[in-house]
Amino acid sequence: MKNITIVPATGGAYSDITIAPGTTPRDVKKQLNLADEFVLTRGRGTEPIPDGENLYESVKDGTKLFATTAVEWGQ
């Protein structure tokens, strides 16, 4: 098990959660009751983490991830 912190980009309380092997961003959003429009990122200016990615394999214990709405630039 790993402990991670989810930081809402819009402010508000941080969420400390424990993830198990195989946990995905989709699982985290469901656990925190976040809308599908939200994405998890590793920080400002980074690409969103794909909803199907295995977070347990790609983050270290104690990692902070940021929950924000997806930003799309021009067409």
N, C-alpha and C. Protein backbone atom coordinates (compact mmCIF):
# COMPACT_ATOMS: atom_id res chain seq x y z
N MET A 1 0.84 -1.17 0.00
CA MET A 1 0.00 0.00 0.00
C MET A 1 0.90 1.25 0.00
N LYS A 2 0.41 2.30 -0.66
CA LYS A 2 1.13 3.58 -0.69
C LYS A 2 0.16 4.68 -0.27
N ASN A 3 0.68 5.67 0.41
CA ASN A 3 -0.10 6.83 0.80
C ASN A 3 0.23 7.97 -0.15
N ILE A 4 -0.82 8.61 -0.71
CA ILE A 4 -0.65 9.76 -1.58
C ILE A 4 -1.59 10.86 -1.12
N THR A 5 -1.31 12.08 -1.57
CA THR A 5 -2.16 13.23 -1.26
C THR A 5 -2.71 13.79 -2.56
N ILE A 6 -4.00 14.05 -2.57
CA ILE A 6 -4.64 14.68 -3.72
C ILE A 6 -4.92 16.13 -3.34
N VAL A 7 -4.38 17.06 -4.12
CA VAL A 7 -4.51 18.49 -3.87
C VAL A 7 -5.48 19.07 -4.89
N PRO A 8 -6.61 19.64 -4.45
CA PRO A 8 -7.53 20.25 -5.40
C PRO A 8 -6.94 21.55 -5.94
N ALA A 9 -6.86 21.69 -7.25
CA ALA A 9 -6.28 22.87 -7.86
C ALA A 9 -7.11 24.12 -7.59
N THR A 10 -8.36 23.96 -7.24
CA THR A 10 -9.25 25.09 -7.00
C THR A 10 -9.26 25.50 -5.54
N GLY A 11 -8.40 24.90 -4.74
CA GLY A 11 -8.37 25.19 -3.30
C GLY A 11 -9.23 24.19 -2.56
N GLY A 12 -9.23 24.31 -1.26
CA GLY A 12 -9.99 23.38 -0.45
C GLY A 12 -9.09 22.38 0.24
N ALA A 13 -9.71 21.45 0.92
CA ALA A 13 -8.98 20.48 1.73
C ALA A 13 -8.25 19.45 0.88
N TYR A 14 -7.05 19.12 1.29
CA TYR A 14 -6.30 18.04 0.67
C TYR A 14 -6.93 16.72 1.09
N SER A 15 -6.73 15.69 0.30
CA SER A 15 -7.23 14.36 0.63
C SER A 15 -6.05 13.39 0.68
N ASP A 16 -5.80 12.84 1.86
CA ASP A 16 -4.78 11.81 2.01
C ASP A 16 -5.46 10.47 1.84
N ILE A 17 -4.99 9.69 0.87
CA ILE A 17 -5.60 8.39 0.63
C ILE A 17 -4.52 7.32 0.52
N THR A 18 -4.93 6.09 0.69
CA THR A 18 -4.05 4.94 0.54
C THR A 18 -4.46 4.20 -0.72
N ILE A 19 -3.47 3.89 -1.56
CA ILE A 19 -3.78 3.17 -2.80
C ILE A 19 -3.14 1.78 -2.75
N ALA A 20 -3.79 0.87 -3.43
CA ALA A 20 -3.33 -0.52 -3.52
C ALA A 20 -2.80 -0.77 -4.93
N PRO A 21 -2.07 -1.86 -5.11
CA PRO A 21 -1.62 -2.20 -6.46
C PRO A 21 -2.81 -2.23 -7.44
N GLY A 22 -2.60 -1.64 -8.61
CA GLY A 22 -3.63 -1.63 -9.62
C GLY A 22 -4.55 -0.42 -9.57
N THR A 23 -4.39 0.47 -8.59
CA THR A 23 -5.24 1.66 -8.48
C THR A 23 -4.97 2.61 -9.64
N THR A 24 -6.03 3.13 -10.25
CA THR A 24 -5.94 4.05 -11.37
C THR A 24 -6.48 5.43 -10.97
N PRO A 25 -6.19 6.47 -11.77
CA PRO A 25 -6.79 7.77 -11.50
C PRO A 25 -8.33 7.70 -11.47
N ARG A 26 -8.90 6.86 -12.31
CA ARG A 26 -10.36 6.68 -12.33
C ARG A 26 -10.85 6.21 -10.96
N ASP A 27 -10.11 5.26 -10.35
CA ASP A 27 -10.46 4.76 -9.02
C ASP A 27 -10.38 5.87 -7.97
N VAL A 28 -9.33 6.69 -8.06
CA VAL A 28 -9.15 7.78 -7.09
C VAL A 28 -10.28 8.79 -7.22
N LYS A 29 -10.63 9.17 -8.46
CA LYS A 29 -11.72 10.13 -8.66
C LYS A 29 -13.03 9.59 -8.11
N LYS A 30 -13.28 8.31 -8.31
CA LYS A 30 -14.50 7.70 -7.79
C LYS A 30 -14.50 7.73 -6.26
N GLN A 31 -13.37 7.38 -5.66
CA GLN A 31 -13.25 7.37 -4.20
C GLN A 31 -13.48 8.76 -3.61
N LEU A 32 -13.03 9.81 -4.31
CA LEU A 32 -13.14 11.18 -3.81
C LEU A 32 -14.39 11.89 -4.33
N ASN A 33 -15.23 11.17 -5.06
CA ASN A 33 -16.46 11.74 -5.64
C ASN A 33 -16.18 12.94 -6.54
N LEU A 34 -15.13 12.81 -7.36
CA LEU A 34 -14.81 13.86 -8.33
C LEU A 34 -15.48 13.54 -9.66
N ALA A 35 -15.95 14.57 -10.33
CA ALA A 35 -16.60 14.40 -11.63
C ALA A 35 -15.61 13.86 -12.66
N ASP A 36 -16.13 13.22 -13.71
CA ASP A 36 -15.30 12.66 -14.77
C ASP A 36 -14.45 13.72 -15.47
N GLU A 37 -14.88 14.99 -15.41
CA GLU A 37 -14.15 16.06 -16.08
C GLU A 37 -12.81 16.35 -15.41
N PHE A 38 -12.64 15.90 -14.18
CA PHE A 38 -11.38 16.13 -13.47
C PHE A 38 -10.29 15.20 -13.99
N VAL A 39 -9.06 15.70 -13.94
CA VAL A 39 -7.90 14.89 -14.27
C VAL A 39 -6.90 15.01 -13.13
N LEU A 40 -6.03 14.03 -13.00
CA LEU A 40 -4.95 14.10 -12.03
C LEU A 40 -3.66 14.42 -12.77
N THR A 41 -2.87 15.31 -12.20
CA THR A 41 -1.57 15.68 -12.77
C THR A 41 -0.51 15.59 -11.70
N ARG A 42 0.74 15.60 -12.15
CA ARG A 42 1.86 15.57 -11.22
C ARG A 42 2.29 16.96 -10.79
N GLY A 43 1.70 17.99 -11.39
CA GLY A 43 2.04 19.37 -11.03
C GLY A 43 1.73 20.33 -12.17
N ARG A 44 1.94 21.59 -11.90
CA ARG A 44 1.67 22.64 -12.88
C ARG A 44 2.44 22.40 -14.17
N GLY A 45 1.72 22.51 -15.28
CA GLY A 45 2.36 22.37 -16.59
C GLY A 45 2.63 20.94 -17.02
N THR A 46 2.15 19.96 -16.26
CA THR A 46 2.38 18.57 -16.65
C THR A 46 1.14 18.00 -17.32
N GLU A 47 1.34 16.99 -18.12
CA GLU A 47 0.24 16.33 -18.81
C GLU A 47 -0.65 15.59 -17.81
N PRO A 48 -1.94 15.49 -18.09
CA PRO A 48 -2.82 14.69 -17.23
C PRO A 48 -2.38 13.23 -17.23
N ILE A 49 -2.57 12.57 -16.10
CA ILE A 49 -2.27 11.15 -15.99
C ILE A 49 -3.45 10.40 -16.61
N PRO A 50 -3.22 9.52 -17.57
CA PRO A 50 -4.33 8.79 -18.19
C PRO A 50 -5.17 8.03 -17.15
N ASP A 51 -6.49 8.05 -17.33
CA ASP A 51 -7.41 7.43 -16.38
C ASP A 51 -7.13 5.95 -16.14
N GLY A 52 -6.53 5.26 -17.11
CA GLY A 52 -6.29 3.84 -16.96
C GLY A 52 -4.89 3.48 -16.44
N GLU A 53 -4.06 4.50 -16.16
CA GLU A 53 -2.68 4.23 -15.72
C GLU A 53 -2.67 3.63 -14.32
N ASN A 54 -1.76 2.71 -14.09
CA ASN A 54 -1.58 2.09 -12.79
C ASN A 54 -0.79 3.05 -11.91
N LEU A 55 -1.48 3.80 -11.04
CA LEU A 55 -0.81 4.78 -10.19
C LEU A 55 0.16 4.13 -9.23
N TYR A 56 -0.18 2.97 -8.74
CA TYR A 56 0.66 2.30 -7.76
C TYR A 56 2.07 2.08 -8.31
N GLU A 57 2.16 1.79 -9.60
CA GLU A 57 3.45 1.55 -10.24
C GLU A 57 4.17 2.84 -10.61
N SER A 58 3.43 3.94 -10.78
CA SER A 58 4.04 5.15 -11.32
C SER A 58 4.27 6.27 -10.30
N VAL A 59 3.86 6.08 -9.04
CA VAL A 59 4.10 7.10 -8.02
C VAL A 59 4.82 6.49 -6.83
N LYS A 60 5.51 7.34 -6.09
CA LYS A 60 6.19 6.91 -4.87
C LYS A 60 5.29 7.16 -3.68
N ASP A 61 5.54 6.47 -2.60
CA ASP A 61 4.82 6.70 -1.36
C ASP A 61 5.02 8.16 -0.96
N GLY A 62 3.93 8.86 -0.61
CA GLY A 62 4.01 10.25 -0.19
C GLY A 62 3.85 11.26 -1.32
N THR A 63 3.63 10.79 -2.54
CA THR A 63 3.47 11.68 -3.69
C THR A 63 2.24 12.56 -3.54
N LYS A 64 2.37 13.82 -4.03
CA LYS A 64 1.22 14.72 -4.13
C LYS A 64 0.80 14.78 -5.59
N LEU A 65 -0.48 14.56 -5.84
CA LEU A 65 -1.06 14.71 -7.17
C LEU A 65 -2.09 15.82 -7.10
N PHE A 66 -2.34 16.46 -8.23
CA PHE A 66 -3.25 17.59 -8.28
C PHE A 66 -4.48 17.23 -9.10
N ALA A 67 -5.65 17.55 -8.56
CA ALA A 67 -6.92 17.30 -9.25
C ALA A 67 -7.40 18.63 -9.84
N THR A 68 -7.61 18.63 -11.14
CA THR A 68 -8.04 19.84 -11.83
C THR A 68 -8.94 19.45 -12.99
N THR A 69 -9.61 20.42 -13.57
CA THR A 69 -10.37 20.13 -14.78
C THR A 69 -9.41 20.21 -15.95
N ALA A 70 -9.67 19.44 -16.96
CA ALA A 70 -8.80 19.42 -18.13
C ALA A 70 -8.83 20.77 -18.83
N VAL A 71 -7.68 21.19 -19.33
CA VAL A 71 -7.57 22.45 -20.06
C VAL A 71 -7.29 22.12 -21.52
N GLU A 72 -8.09 22.69 -22.40
CA GLU A 72 -7.86 22.48 -23.82
C GLU A 72 -7.56 23.82 -24.46
N TRP A 73 -6.51 23.85 -25.29
CA TRP A 73 -6.08 25.08 -25.95
C TRP A 73 -6.57 25.10 -27.39
N GLY A 74 -7.10 26.25 -27.83
CA GLY A 74 -7.48 26.51 -29.23
C GLY A 74 -7.81 25.28 -30.05
N GLN A 75 -8.31 25.53 -31.23
CA GLN A 75 -8.69 24.41 -32.10
C GLN A 75 -7.85 24.39 -33.33
